[in-house]
Amino acid sequence: MTSEAKKNKGRSLEGCIKMIVPVRDALEILNGRWKLPIIISLSFGDKRFRQISKEINGITDKMLSKELKDLELNQLVKRTVYDTFPPTVEYSITEHGRSLDKVLIELKNWGMEHRKKIMKK
């Protein structure tokens, strides 16, 4: 049980709502199969569209474009267009996007433990 959950224990409805609402907000922004992998890809450095596409196996160009727009709208990713011919477009993670680093590390750790537990059965 998390410290936040322990703190809210005993105030069931209020504590429950205080946990559910912000978690739901986060999940609405990070929903789907592709947003977290895109954020992870960009956390390893600025990239062009094709570089991201190659790193994330299975994503279509249409879906990558849509997800990048959503992430940019939520200020997690920045799109920079350079004045070259043809124009060069590069994507980078923002400071707000970097605020997910701890969450991603914890998800990775949980995923590894979960995989071990499930594979043993």
PDB file of N, CA and C in Angstrom:
ATOM      1  N   MET A   1       0.849  -1.177   0.000  1.00  0.00           N
ATOM      2  CA  MET A   1       0.000   0.000   0.000  1.00  0.00           C
ATOM      3  C   MET A   1       0.894   1.241   0.000  1.00  0.00           C
ATOM      4  N   THR A   2       0.567   2.190  -0.841  1.00  0.00           N
ATOM      5  CA  THR A   2       1.367   3.416  -0.924  1.00  0.00           C
ATOM      6  C   THR A   2       1.150   4.271   0.309  1.00  0.00           C
ATOM      7  N   SER A   3       2.070   5.183   0.561  1.00  0.00           N
ATOM      8  CA  SER A   3       1.927   6.085   1.704  1.00  0.00           C
ATOM      9  C   SER A   3       0.680   6.937   1.553  1.00  0.00           C
ATOM     10  N   GLU A   4       0.364   7.329   0.313  1.00  0.00           N
ATOM     11  CA  GLU A   4      -0.856   8.112   0.067  1.00  0.00           C
ATOM     12  C   GLU A   4      -2.088   7.280   0.406  1.00  0.00           C
ATOM     13  N   ALA A   5      -2.079   6.002   0.019  1.00  0.00           N
ATOM     14  CA  ALA A   5      -3.211   5.119   0.318  1.00  0.00           C
ATOM     15  C   ALA A   5      -3.339   4.891   1.823  1.00  0.00           C
ATOM     16  N   LYS A   6      -2.191   4.712   2.510  1.00  0.00           N
ATOM     17  CA  LYS A   6      -2.217   4.538   3.965  1.00  0.00           C
ATOM     18  C   LYS A   6      -2.761   5.777   4.648  1.00  0.00           C
ATOM     19  N   LYS A   7      -2.341   6.943   4.162  1.00  0.00           N
ATOM     20  CA  LYS A   7      -2.783   8.201   4.741  1.00  0.00           C
ATOM     21  C   LYS A   7      -4.296   8.358   4.593  1.00  0.00           C
ATOM     22  N   ASN A   8      -4.850   7.899   3.487  1.00  0.00           N
ATOM     23  CA  ASN A   8      -6.272   8.062   3.219  1.00  0.00           C
ATOM     24  C   ASN A   8      -7.133   6.935   3.778  1.00  0.00           C
ATOM     25  N   LYS A   9      -6.499   5.884   4.300  1.00  0.00           N
ATOM     26  CA  LYS A   9      -7.246   4.771   4.864  1.00  0.00           C
ATOM     27  C   LYS A   9      -8.081   5.271   6.041  1.00  0.00           C
ATOM     28  N   GLY A  10      -9.312   4.862   6.087  1.00  0.00           N
ATOM     29  CA  GLY A  10     -10.189   5.303   7.157  1.00  0.00           C
ATOM     30  C   GLY A  10     -11.111   6.429   6.710  1.00  0.00           C
ATOM     31  N   ARG A  11     -10.731   7.154   5.682  1.00  0.00           N
ATOM     32  CA  ARG A  11     -11.589   8.185   5.097  1.00  0.00           C
ATOM     33  C   ARG A  11     -11.981   7.679   3.722  1.00  0.00           C
ATOM     34  N   SER A  12     -12.668   6.577   3.682  1.00  0.00           N
ATOM     35  CA  SER A  12     -12.831   5.800   2.461  1.00  0.00           C
ATOM     36  C   SER A  12     -13.301   6.594   1.246  1.00  0.00           C
ATOM     37  N   LEU A  13     -14.430   7.225   1.293  1.00  0.00           N
ATOM     38  CA  LEU A  13     -14.943   7.891   0.097  1.00  0.00           C
ATOM     39  C   LEU A  13     -14.066   9.080  -0.299  1.00  0.00           C
ATOM     40  N   GLU A  14     -13.743   9.940   0.629  1.00  0.00           N
ATOM     41  CA  GLU A  14     -12.921  11.113   0.331  1.00  0.00           C
ATOM     42  C   GLU A  14     -11.528  10.704  -0.152  1.00  0.00           C
ATOM     43  N   GLY A  15     -10.913   9.764   0.570  1.00  0.00           N
ATOM     44  CA  GLY A  15      -9.577   9.291   0.184  1.00  0.00           C
ATOM     45  C   GLY A  15      -9.580   8.599  -1.158  1.00  0.00           C
ATOM     46  N   CYS A  16     -10.609   7.826  -1.398  1.00  0.00           N
ATOM     47  CA  CYS A  16     -10.738   7.111  -2.670  1.00  0.00           C
ATOM     48  C   CYS A  16     -10.844   8.103  -3.822  1.00  0.00           C
ATOM     49  N   ILE A  17     -11.694   9.091  -3.680  1.00  0.00           N
ATOM     50  CA  ILE A  17     -11.883  10.086  -4.728  1.00  0.00           C
ATOM     51  C   ILE A  17     -10.606  10.886  -4.948  1.00  0.00           C
ATOM     52  N   LYS A  18      -9.912  11.232  -3.849  1.00  0.00           N
ATOM     53  CA  LYS A  18      -8.670  11.990  -3.987  1.00  0.00           C
ATOM     54  C   LYS A  18      -7.603  11.216  -4.742  1.00  0.00           C
ATOM     55  N   MET A  19      -7.686   9.901  -4.711  1.00  0.00           N
ATOM     56  CA  MET A  19      -6.725   9.096  -5.482  1.00  0.00           C
ATOM     57  C   MET A  19      -7.202   8.845  -6.903  1.00  0.00           C
ATOM     58  N   ILE A  20      -8.477   8.570  -7.049  1.00  0.00           N
ATOM     59  CA  ILE A  20      -9.018   8.192  -8.359  1.00  0.00           C
ATOM     60  C   ILE A  20      -8.962   9.337  -9.360  1.00  0.00           C
ATOM     61  N   VAL A  21      -9.373  10.529  -8.962  1.00  0.00           N
ATOM     62  CA  VAL A  21      -9.483  11.640  -9.912  1.00  0.00           C
ATOM     63  C   VAL A  21      -8.150  11.973 -10.588  1.00  0.00           C
ATOM     64  N   PRO A  22      -7.061  12.206  -9.836  1.00  0.00           N
ATOM     65  CA  PRO A  22      -5.808  12.524 -10.534  1.00  0.00           C
ATOM     66  C   PRO A  22      -5.235  11.350 -11.326  1.00  0.00           C
ATOM     67  N   VAL A  23      -5.460  10.122 -10.862  1.00  0.00           N
ATOM     68  CA  VAL A  23      -4.984   8.957 -11.611  1.00  0.00           C
ATOM     69  C   VAL A  23      -5.764   8.844 -12.923  1.00  0.00           C
ATOM     70  N   ARG A  24      -7.056   9.071 -12.869  1.00  0.00           N
ATOM     71  CA  ARG A  24      -7.871   9.046 -14.092  1.00  0.00           C
ATOM     72  C   ARG A  24      -7.417  10.137 -15.067  1.00  0.00           C
ATOM     73  N   ASP A  25      -7.135  11.335 -14.531  1.00  0.00           N
ATOM     74  CA  ASP A  25      -6.636  12.424 -15.380  1.00  0.00           C
ATOM     75  C   ASP A  25      -5.341  12.013 -16.093  1.00  0.00           C
ATOM     76  N   ALA A  26      -4.426  11.410 -15.337  1.00  0.00           N
ATOM     77  CA  ALA A  26      -3.144  10.981 -15.914  1.00  0.00           C
ATOM     78  C   ALA A  26      -3.356   9.915 -16.982  1.00  0.00           C
ATOM     79  N   LEU A  27      -4.227   8.959 -16.688  1.00  0.00           N
ATOM     80  CA  LEU A  27      -4.471   7.884 -17.647  1.00  0.00           C
ATOM     81  C   LEU A  27      -5.152   8.387 -18.916  1.00  0.00           C
ATOM     82  N   GLU A  28      -5.992   9.397 -18.805  1.00  0.00           N
ATOM     83  CA  GLU A  28      -6.633   9.966 -19.997  1.00  0.00           C
ATOM     84  C   GLU A  28      -5.590  10.603 -20.918  1.00  0.00           C
ATOM     85  N   ILE A  29      -4.580  11.220 -20.352  1.00  0.00           N
ATOM     86  CA  ILE A  29      -3.535  11.855 -21.161  1.00  0.00           C
ATOM     87  C   ILE A  29      -2.582  10.804 -21.739  1.00  0.00           C
ATOM     88  N   LEU A  30      -2.283   9.769 -20.965  1.00  0.00           N
ATOM     89  CA  LEU A  30      -1.294   8.766 -21.366  1.00  0.00           C
ATOM     90  C   LEU A  30      -1.923   7.488 -21.915  1.00  0.00           C
ATOM     91  N   ASN A  31      -3.216   7.556 -22.244  1.00  0.00           N
ATOM     92  CA  ASN A  31      -3.942   6.358 -22.657  1.00  0.00           C
ATOM     93  C   ASN A  31      -3.418   5.774 -23.965  1.00  0.00           C
ATOM     94  N   GLY A  32      -3.744   4.544 -24.182  1.00  0.00           N
ATOM     95  CA  GLY A  32      -3.404   3.890 -25.432  1.00  0.00           C
ATOM     96  C   GLY A  32      -2.090   3.139 -25.369  1.00  0.00           C
ATOM     97  N   ARG A  33      -1.818   2.507 -26.458  1.00  0.00           N
ATOM     98  CA  ARG A  33      -0.667   1.605 -26.566  1.00  0.00           C
ATOM     99  C   ARG A  33       0.641   2.320 -26.867  1.00  0.00           C
ATOM    100  N   TRP A  34       0.578   3.549 -27.421  1.00  0.00           N
ATOM    101  CA  TRP A  34       1.764   4.135 -28.016  1.00  0.00           C
ATOM    102  C   TRP A  34       2.364   5.327 -27.293  1.00  0.00           C
ATOM    103  N   LYS A  35       1.610   6.040 -26.483  1.00  0.00           N
ATOM    104  CA  LYS A  35       2.121   7.295 -25.904  1.00  0.00           C
ATOM    105  C   LYS A  35       3.333   7.073 -25.009  1.00  0.00           C
ATOM    106  N   LEU A  36       3.270   6.109 -24.126  1.00  0.00           N
ATOM    107  CA  LEU A  36       4.424   5.875 -23.239  1.00  0.00           C
ATOM    108  C   LEU A  36       5.657   5.411 -24.022  1.00  0.00           C
ATOM    109  N   PRO A  37       5.523   4.505 -24.985  1.00  0.00           N
ATOM    110  CA  PRO A  37       6.714   4.173 -25.778  1.00  0.00           C
ATOM    111  C   PRO A  37       7.305   5.375 -26.518  1.00  0.00           C
ATOM    112  N   ILE A  38       6.466   6.289 -27.005  1.00  0.00           N
ATOM    113  CA  ILE A  38       6.970   7.491 -27.672  1.00  0.00           C
ATOM    114  C   ILE A  38       7.733   8.353 -26.673  1.00  0.00           C
ATOM    115  N   ILE A  39       7.171   8.536 -25.490  1.00  0.00           N
ATOM    116  CA  ILE A  39       7.838   9.328 -24.452  1.00  0.00           C
ATOM    117  C   ILE A  39       9.173   8.683 -24.070  1.00  0.00           C
ATOM    118  N   ILE A  40       9.187   7.373 -23.934  1.00  0.00           N
ATOM    119  CA  ILE A  40      10.434   6.662 -23.612  1.00  0.00           C
ATOM    120  C   ILE A  40      11.455   6.874 -24.728  1.00  0.00           C
ATOM    121  N   SER A  41      11.033   6.725 -25.968  1.00  0.00           N
ATOM    122  CA  SER A  41      11.945   6.928 -27.101  1.00  0.00           C
ATOM    123  C   SER A  41      12.575   8.316 -27.046  1.00  0.00           C
ATOM    124  N   LEU A  42      11.761   9.341 -26.821  1.00  0.00           N
ATOM    125  CA  LEU A  42      12.273  10.712 -26.800  1.00  0.00           C
ATOM    126  C   LEU A  42      13.076  11.021 -25.540  1.00  0.00           C
ATOM    127  N   SER A  43      12.884  10.241 -24.492  1.00  0.00           N
ATOM    128  CA  SER A  43      13.675  10.475 -23.282  1.00  0.00           C
ATOM    129  C   SER A  43      15.142  10.086 -23.495  1.00  0.00           C
ATOM    130  N   PHE A  44      15.418   9.363 -24.593  1.00  0.00           N
ATOM    131  CA  PHE A  44      16.789   8.987 -24.933  1.00  0.00           C
ATOM    132  C   PHE A  44      17.398   9.934 -25.962  1.00  0.00           C
ATOM    133  N   GLY A  45      16.699  11.031 -26.240  1.00  0.00           N
ATOM    134  CA  GLY A  45      17.253  12.037 -27.138  1.00  0.00           C
ATOM    135  C   GLY A  45      16.251  12.522 -28.165  1.00  0.00           C
ATOM    136  N   ASP A  46      16.524  13.699 -28.707  1.00  0.00           N
ATOM    137  CA  ASP A  46      15.676  14.292 -29.741  1.00  0.00           C
ATOM    138  C   ASP A  46      15.730  13.410 -30.979  1.00  0.00           C
ATOM    139  N   LYS A  47      14.578  13.311 -31.665  1.00  0.00           N
ATOM    140  CA  LYS A  47      14.515  12.423 -32.823  1.00  0.00           C
ATOM    141  C   LYS A  47      13.618  12.995 -33.902  1.00  0.00           C
ATOM    142  N   ARG A  48      13.887  12.562 -35.115  1.00  0.00           N
ATOM    143  CA  ARG A  48      12.996  12.855 -36.231  1.00  0.00           C
ATOM    144  C   ARG A  48      11.938  11.763 -36.294  1.00  0.00           C
ATOM    145  N   PHE A  49      10.887  12.027 -37.052  1.00  0.00           N
ATOM    146  CA  PHE A  49       9.732  11.134 -37.154  1.00  0.00           C
ATOM    147  C   PHE A  49      10.149   9.697 -37.478  1.00  0.00           C
ATOM    148  N   ARG A  50      10.983   9.535 -38.505  1.00  0.00           N
ATOM    149  CA  ARG A  50      11.396   8.188 -38.939  1.00  0.00           C
ATOM    150  C   ARG A  50      12.175   7.446 -37.858  1.00  0.00           C
ATOM    151  N   GLN A  51      12.984   8.168 -37.099  1.00  0.00           N
ATOM    152  CA  GLN A  51      13.744   7.525 -36.020  1.00  0.00           C
ATOM    153  C   GLN A  51      12.797   6.964 -34.959  1.00  0.00           C
ATOM    154  N   ILE A  52      11.794   7.742 -34.607  1.00  0.00           N
ATOM    155  CA  ILE A  52      10.816   7.275 -33.619  1.00  0.00           C
ATOM    156  C   ILE A  52      10.081   6.055 -34.174  1.00  0.00           C
ATOM    157  N   SER A  53       9.660   6.144 -35.419  1.00  0.00           N
ATOM    158  CA  SER A  53       8.929   5.060 -36.072  1.00  0.00           C
ATOM    159  C   SER A  53       9.727   3.756 -36.071  1.00  0.00           C
ATOM    160  N   LYS A  54      11.027   3.849 -36.314  1.00  0.00           N
ATOM    161  CA  LYS A  54      11.878   2.652 -36.338  1.00  0.00           C
ATOM    162  C   LYS A  54      12.043   2.045 -34.949  1.00  0.00           C
ATOM    163  N   GLU A  55      12.088   2.894 -33.923  1.00  0.00           N
ATOM    164  CA  GLU A  55      12.292   2.400 -32.560  1.00  0.00           C
ATOM    165  C   GLU A  55      11.046   1.738 -31.977  1.00  0.00           C
ATOM    166  N   ILE A  56       9.879   2.178 -32.436  1.00  0.00           N
ATOM    167  CA  ILE A  56       8.631   1.662 -31.874  1.00  0.00           C
ATOM    168  C   ILE A  56       8.008   0.701 -32.881  1.00  0.00           C
ATOM    169  N   ASN A  57       8.312  -0.553 -32.709  1.00  0.00           N
ATOM    170  CA  ASN A  57       7.861  -1.590 -33.618  1.00  0.00           C
ATOM    171  C   ASN A  57       6.333  -1.696 -33.635  1.00  0.00           C
ATOM    172  N   GLY A  58       5.773  -1.652 -34.846  1.00  0.00           N
ATOM    173  CA  GLY A  58       4.342  -1.888 -35.001  1.00  0.00           C
ATOM    174  C   GLY A  58       3.481  -0.643 -35.133  1.00  0.00           C
ATOM    175  N   ILE A  59       4.018   0.526 -34.848  1.00  0.00           N
ATOM    176  CA  ILE A  59       3.217   1.744 -34.941  1.00  0.00           C
ATOM    177  C   ILE A  59       3.161   2.208 -36.405  1.00  0.00           C
ATOM    178  N   THR A  60       1.969   2.613 -36.832  1.00  0.00           N
ATOM    179  CA  THR A  60       1.831   3.133 -38.192  1.00  0.00           C
ATOM    180  C   THR A  60       2.185   4.615 -38.197  1.00  0.00           C
ATOM    181  N   ASP A  61       2.504   5.142 -39.379  1.00  0.00           N
ATOM    182  CA  ASP A  61       2.820   6.565 -39.499  1.00  0.00           C
ATOM    183  C   ASP A  61       1.631   7.424 -39.075  1.00  0.00           C
ATOM    184  N   LYS A  62       0.440   7.000 -39.452  1.00  0.00           N
ATOM    185  CA  LYS A  62      -0.770   7.753 -39.105  1.00  0.00           C
ATOM    186  C   LYS A  62      -0.943   7.813 -37.583  1.00  0.00           C
ATOM    187  N   MET A  63      -0.754   6.687 -36.920  1.00  0.00           N
ATOM    188  CA  MET A  63      -0.907   6.637 -35.462  1.00  0.00           C
ATOM    189  C   MET A  63       0.202   7.432 -34.778  1.00  0.00           C
ATOM    190  N   LEU A  64       1.433   7.322 -35.261  1.00  0.00           N
ATOM    191  CA  LEU A  64       2.536   8.072 -34.674  1.00  0.00           C
ATOM    192  C   LEU A  64       2.278   9.570 -34.799  1.00  0.00           C
ATOM    193  N   SER A  65       1.815   9.997 -35.942  1.00  0.00           N
ATOM    194  CA  SER A  65       1.498  11.405 -36.148  1.00  0.00           C
ATOM    195  C   SER A  65       0.420  11.873 -35.178  1.00  0.00           C
ATOM    196  N   LYS A  66      -0.639  11.093 -35.030  1.00  0.00           N
ATOM    197  CA  LYS A  66      -1.738  11.434 -34.113  1.00  0.00           C
ATOM    198  C   LYS A  66      -1.247  11.516 -32.669  1.00  0.00           C
ATOM    199  N   GLU A  67      -0.480  10.526 -32.259  1.00  0.00           N
ATOM    200  CA  GLU A  67      -0.013  10.478 -30.873  1.00  0.00           C
ATOM    201  C   GLU A  67       0.970  11.616 -30.583  1.00  0.00           C
ATOM    202  N   LEU A  68       1.836  11.940 -31.523  1.00  0.00           N
ATOM    203  CA  LEU A  68       2.760  13.058 -31.339  1.00  0.00           C
ATOM    204  C   LEU A  68       1.987  14.379 -31.181  1.00  0.00           C
ATOM    205  N   LYS A  69       0.929  14.549 -31.965  1.00  0.00           N
ATOM    206  CA  LYS A  69       0.096  15.754 -31.840  1.00  0.00           C
ATOM    207  C   LYS A  69      -0.557  15.830 -30.465  1.00  0.00           C
ATOM    208  N   ASP A  70      -1.089  14.691 -29.983  1.00  0.00           N
ATOM    209  CA  ASP A  70      -1.701  14.652 -28.648  1.00  0.00           C
ATOM    210  C   ASP A  70      -0.676  14.977 -27.569  1.00  0.00           C
ATOM    211  N   LEU A  71       0.510  14.393 -27.674  1.00  0.00           N
ATOM    212  CA  LEU A  71       1.556  14.633 -26.681  1.00  0.00           C
ATOM    213  C   LEU A  71       2.030  16.087 -26.720  1.00  0.00           C
ATOM    214  N   GLU A  72       2.069  16.661 -27.915  1.00  0.00           N
ATOM    215  CA  GLU A  72       2.443  18.071 -28.047  1.00  0.00           C
ATOM    216  C   GLU A  72       1.369  18.967 -27.436  1.00  0.00           C
ATOM    217  N   LEU A  73       0.110  18.640 -27.674  1.00  0.00           N
ATOM    218  CA  LEU A  73      -1.011  19.394 -27.115  1.00  0.00           C
ATOM    219  C   LEU A  73      -0.976  19.394 -25.582  1.00  0.00           C
ATOM    220  N   ASN A  74      -0.542  18.281 -25.010  1.00  0.00           N
ATOM    221  CA  ASN A  74      -0.447  18.155 -23.551  1.00  0.00           C
ATOM    222  C   ASN A  74       0.914  18.567 -23.004  1.00  0.00           C
ATOM    223  N   GLN A  75       1.722  19.202 -23.841  1.00  0.00           N
ATOM    224  CA  GLN A  75       3.010  19.775 -23.472  1.00  0.00           C
ATOM    225  C   GLN A  75       4.015  18.758 -22.935  1.00  0.00           C
ATOM    226  N   LEU A  76       3.906  17.528 -23.419  1.00  0.00           N
ATOM    227  CA  LEU A  76       4.855  16.484 -23.035  1.00  0.00           C
ATOM    228  C   LEU A  76       5.968  16.349 -24.075  1.00  0.00           C
ATOM    229  N   VAL A  77       5.659  16.775 -25.310  1.00  0.00           N
ATOM    230  CA  VAL A  77       6.592  16.689 -26.429  1.00  0.00           C
ATOM    231  C   VAL A  77       6.615  18.033 -27.140  1.00  0.00           C
ATOM    232  N   LYS A  78       7.787  18.398 -27.624  1.00  0.00           N
ATOM    233  CA  LYS A  78       7.932  19.637 -28.384  1.00  0.00           C
ATOM    234  C   LYS A  78       8.312  19.285 -29.823  1.00  0.00           C
ATOM    235  N   ARG A  79       7.672  19.946 -30.758  1.00  0.00           N
ATOM    236  CA  ARG A  79       7.950  19.775 -32.187  1.00  0.00           C
ATOM    237  C   ARG A  79       8.686  21.017 -32.666  1.00  0.00           C
ATOM    238  N   THR A  80       9.872  20.811 -33.253  1.00  0.00           N
ATOM    239  CA  THR A  80      10.664  21.922 -33.753  1.00  0.00           C
ATOM    240  C   THR A  80      10.858  21.742 -35.254  1.00  0.00           C
ATOM    241  N   VAL A  81      10.517  22.798 -36.014  1.00  0.00           N
ATOM    242  CA  VAL A  81      10.694  22.789 -37.464  1.00  0.00           C
ATOM    243  C   VAL A  81      11.883  23.686 -37.789  1.00  0.00           C
ATOM    244  N   TYR A  82      12.866  23.111 -38.486  1.00  0.00           N
ATOM    245  CA  TYR A  82      14.058  23.862 -38.876  1.00  0.00           C
ATOM    246  C   TYR A  82      13.902  24.376 -40.304  1.00  0.00           C
ATOM    247  N   ASP A  83      14.430  25.561 -40.537  1.00  0.00           N
ATOM    248  CA  ASP A  83      14.330  26.221 -41.833  1.00  0.00           C
ATOM    249  C   ASP A  83      15.386  25.670 -42.789  1.00  0.00           C
ATOM    250  N   THR A  84      15.108  24.468 -43.277  1.00  0.00           N
ATOM    251  CA  THR A  84      15.992  23.822 -44.247  1.00  0.00           C
ATOM    252  C   THR A  84      15.143  23.438 -45.454  1.00  0.00           C
ATOM    253  N   PHE A  85      15.785  22.967 -46.484  1.00  0.00           N
ATOM    254  CA  PHE A  85      15.030  22.479 -47.626  1.00  0.00           C
ATOM    255  C   PHE A  85      15.419  21.039 -47.897  1.00  0.00           C
ATOM    256  N   PRO A  86      14.497  20.094 -47.810  1.00  0.00           N
ATOM    257  CA  PRO A  86      13.143  20.266 -47.273  1.00  0.00           C
ATOM    258  C   PRO A  86      13.184  20.548 -45.774  1.00  0.00           C
ATOM    259  N   PRO A  87      12.070  21.037 -45.202  1.00  0.00           N
ATOM    260  CA  PRO A  87      12.053  21.356 -43.773  1.00  0.00           C
ATOM    261  C   PRO A  87      12.398  20.119 -42.923  1.00  0.00           C
ATOM    262  N   THR A  88      13.171  20.327 -41.907  1.00  0.00           N
ATOM    263  CA  THR A  88      13.522  19.266 -40.957  1.00  0.00           C
ATOM    264  C   THR A  88      12.660  19.448 -39.717  1.00  0.00           C
ATOM    265  N   VAL A  89      12.036  18.357 -39.283  1.00  0.00           N
ATOM    266  CA  VAL A  89      11.195  18.391 -38.089  1.00  0.00           C
ATOM    267  C   VAL A  89      11.800  17.448 -37.064  1.00  0.00           C
ATOM    268  N   GLU A  90      11.957  17.948 -35.844  1.00  0.00           N
ATOM    269  CA  GLU A  90      12.542  17.153 -34.768  1.00  0.00           C
ATOM    270  C   GLU A  90      11.634  17.214 -33.551  1.00  0.00           C
ATOM    271  N   TYR A  91      11.540  16.099 -32.860  1.00  0.00           N
ATOM    272  CA  TYR A  91      10.711  16.011 -31.661  1.00  0.00           C
ATOM    273  C   TYR A  91      11.607  15.833 -30.449  1.00  0.00           C
ATOM    274  N   SER A  92      11.216  16.461 -29.349  1.00  0.00           N
ATOM    275  CA  SER A  92      11.970  16.329 -28.102  1.00  0.00           C
ATOM    276  C   SER A  92      10.991  16.262 -26.938  1.00  0.00           C
ATOM    277  N   ILE A  93      11.461  15.707 -25.862  1.00  0.00           N
ATOM    278  CA  ILE A  93      10.635  15.645 -24.656  1.00  0.00           C
ATOM    279  C   ILE A  93      10.785  16.980 -23.924  1.00  0.00           C
ATOM    280  N   THR A  94       9.702  17.459 -23.335  1.00  0.00           N
ATOM    281  CA  THR A  94       9.730  18.718 -22.588  1.00  0.00           C
ATOM    282  C   THR A  94      10.079  18.440 -21.132  1.00  0.00           C
ATOM    283  N   GLU A  95      10.299  19.494 -20.367  1.00  0.00           N
ATOM    284  CA  GLU A  95      10.517  19.321 -18.923  1.00  0.00           C
ATOM    285  C   GLU A  95       9.295  18.667 -18.277  1.00  0.00           C
ATOM    286  N   HIS A  96       8.113  19.056 -18.747  1.00  0.00           N
ATOM    287  CA  HIS A  96       6.880  18.444 -18.228  1.00  0.00           C
ATOM    288  C   HIS A  96       6.863  16.946 -18.549  1.00  0.00           C
ATOM    289  N   GLY A  97       7.316  16.593 -19.748  1.00  0.00           N
ATOM    290  CA  GLY A  97       7.415  15.184 -20.116  1.00  0.00           C
ATOM    291  C   GLY A  97       8.433  14.451 -19.262  1.00  0.00           C
ATOM    292  N   ARG A  98       9.533  15.122 -18.948  1.00  0.00           N
ATOM    293  CA  ARG A  98      10.573  14.532 -18.080  1.00  0.00           C
ATOM    294  C   ARG A  98      10.053  14.247 -16.671  1.00  0.00           C
ATOM    295  N   SER A  99       8.996  14.939 -16.283  1.00  0.00           N
ATOM    296  CA  SER A  99       8.432  14.698 -14.948  1.00  0.00           C
ATOM    297  C   SER A  99       7.848  13.289 -14.828  1.00  0.00           C
ATOM    298  N   LEU A 100       7.730  12.581 -15.945  1.00  0.00           N
ATOM    299  CA  LEU A 100       7.244  11.196 -15.935  1.00  0.00           C
ATOM    300  C   LEU A 100       8.367  10.179 -15.722  1.00  0.00           C
ATOM    301  N   ASP A 101       9.609  10.626 -15.649  1.00  0.00           N
ATOM    302  CA  ASP A 101      10.745   9.701 -15.525  1.00  0.00           C
ATOM    303  C   ASP A 101      10.580   8.712 -14.373  1.00  0.00           C
ATOM    304  N   LYS A 102      10.252   9.203 -13.188  1.00  0.00           N
ATOM    305  CA  LYS A 102      10.101   8.313 -12.021  1.00  0.00           C
ATOM    306  C   LYS A 102       8.973   7.313 -12.230  1.00  0.00           C
ATOM    307  N   VAL A 103       7.876   7.782 -12.814  1.00  0.00           N
ATOM    308  CA  VAL A 103       6.729   6.910 -13.079  1.00  0.00           C
ATOM    309  C   VAL A 103       7.128   5.806 -14.049  1.00  0.00           C
ATOM    310  N   LEU A 104       7.859   6.168 -15.100  1.00  0.00           N
ATOM    311  CA  LEU A 104       8.274   5.187 -16.100  1.00  0.00           C
ATOM    312  C   LEU A 104       9.239   4.158 -15.517  1.00  0.00           C
ATOM    313  N   ILE A 105      10.140   4.607 -14.663  1.00  0.00           N
ATOM    314  CA  ILE A 105      11.065   3.670 -14.011  1.00  0.00           C
ATOM    315  C   ILE A 105      10.291   2.697 -13.126  1.00  0.00           C
ATOM    316  N   GLU A 106       9.332   3.212 -12.372  1.00  0.00           N
ATOM    317  CA  GLU A 106       8.524   2.339 -11.518  1.00  0.00           C
ATOM    318  C   GLU A 106       7.675   1.373 -12.345  1.00  0.00           C
ATOM    319  N   LEU A 107       7.117   1.842 -13.452  1.00  0.00           N
ATOM    320  CA  LEU A 107       6.358   0.951 -14.336  1.00  0.00           C
ATOM    321  C   LEU A 107       7.248  -0.137 -14.914  1.00  0.00           C
ATOM    322  N   LYS A 108       8.470   0.242 -15.311  1.00  0.00           N
ATOM    323  CA  LYS A 108       9.427  -0.737 -15.839  1.00  0.00           C
ATOM    324  C   LYS A 108       9.740  -1.792 -14.776  1.00  0.00           C
ATOM    325  N   ASN A 109      10.013  -1.341 -13.551  1.00  0.00           N
ATOM    326  CA  ASN A 109      10.334  -2.272 -12.462  1.00  0.00           C
ATOM    327  C   ASN A 109       9.151  -3.187 -12.166  1.00  0.00           C
ATOM    328  N   TRP A 110       7.950  -2.608 -12.105  1.00  0.00           N
ATOM    329  CA  TRP A 110       6.763  -3.414 -11.841  1.00  0.00           C
ATOM    330  C   TRP A 110       6.550  -4.415 -12.969  1.00  0.00           C
ATOM    331  N   GLY A 111       6.720  -3.969 -14.205  1.00  0.00           N
ATOM    332  CA  GLY A 111       6.544  -4.847 -15.362  1.00  0.00           C
ATOM    333  C   GLY A 111       7.511  -6.020 -15.354  1.00  0.00           C
ATOM    334  N   MET A 112       8.752  -5.767 -14.959  1.00  0.00           N
ATOM    335  CA  MET A 112       9.740  -6.843 -14.885  1.00  0.00           C
ATOM    336  C   MET A 112       9.363  -7.850 -13.803  1.00  0.00           C
ATOM    337  N   GLU A 113       8.945  -7.354 -12.642  1.00  0.00           N
ATOM    338  CA  GLU A 113       8.527  -8.247 -11.551  1.00  0.00           C
ATOM    339  C   GLU A 113       7.270  -9.031 -11.935  1.00  0.00           C
ATOM    340  N   HIS A 114       6.338  -8.354 -12.563  1.00  0.00           N
ATOM    341  CA  HIS A 114       5.101  -9.013 -12.994  1.00  0.00           C
ATOM    342  C   HIS A 114       5.403 -10.114 -14.009  1.00  0.00           C
ATOM    343  N   ARG A 115       6.281  -9.804 -14.954  1.00  0.00           N
ATOM    344  CA  ARG A 115       6.661 -10.798 -15.968  1.00  0.00           C
ATOM    345  C   ARG A 115       7.274 -12.038 -15.302  1.00  0.00           C
ATOM    346  N   LYS A 116       8.177 -11.811 -14.314  1.00  0.00           N
ATOM    347  CA  LYS A 116       8.787 -12.946 -13.603  1.00  0.00           C
ATOM    348  C   LYS A 116       7.736 -13.776 -12.903  1.00  0.00           C
ATOM    349  N   LYS A 117       6.813 -13.116 -12.229  1.00  0.00           N
ATOM    350  CA  LYS A 117       5.763 -13.808 -11.475  1.00  0.00           C
ATOM    351  C   LYS A 117       4.863 -14.624 -12.405  1.00  0.00           C
ATOM    352  N   ILE A 118       4.462 -14.041 -13.509  1.00  0.00           N
ATOM    353  CA  ILE A 118       3.556 -14.707 -14.436  1.00  0.00           C
ATOM    354  C   ILE A 118       4.252 -15.836 -15.185  1.00  0.00           C
ATOM    355  N   MET A 119       5.508 -15.626 -15.560  1.00  0.00           N
ATOM    356  CA  MET A 119       6.245 -16.645 -16.322  1.00  0.00           C
ATOM    357  C   MET A 119       6.539 -17.883 -15.477  1.00  0.00           C
ATOM    358  N   LYS A 120       6.564 -17.730 -14.161  1.00  0.00           N
ATOM    359  CA  LYS A 120       6.828 -18.872 -13.282  1.00  0.00           C
ATOM    360  C   LYS A 120       5.667 -19.851 -13.274  1.00  0.00           C
ATOM    361  N   LYS A 121       4.487 -19.366 -13.552  1.00  0.00           N
ATOM    362  CA  LYS A 121       3.286 -20.244 -13.497  1.00  0.00           C
ATOM    363  C   LYS A 121       3.200 -21.137 -14.700  1.00  0.00           C
TER     364      LYS A 121
END
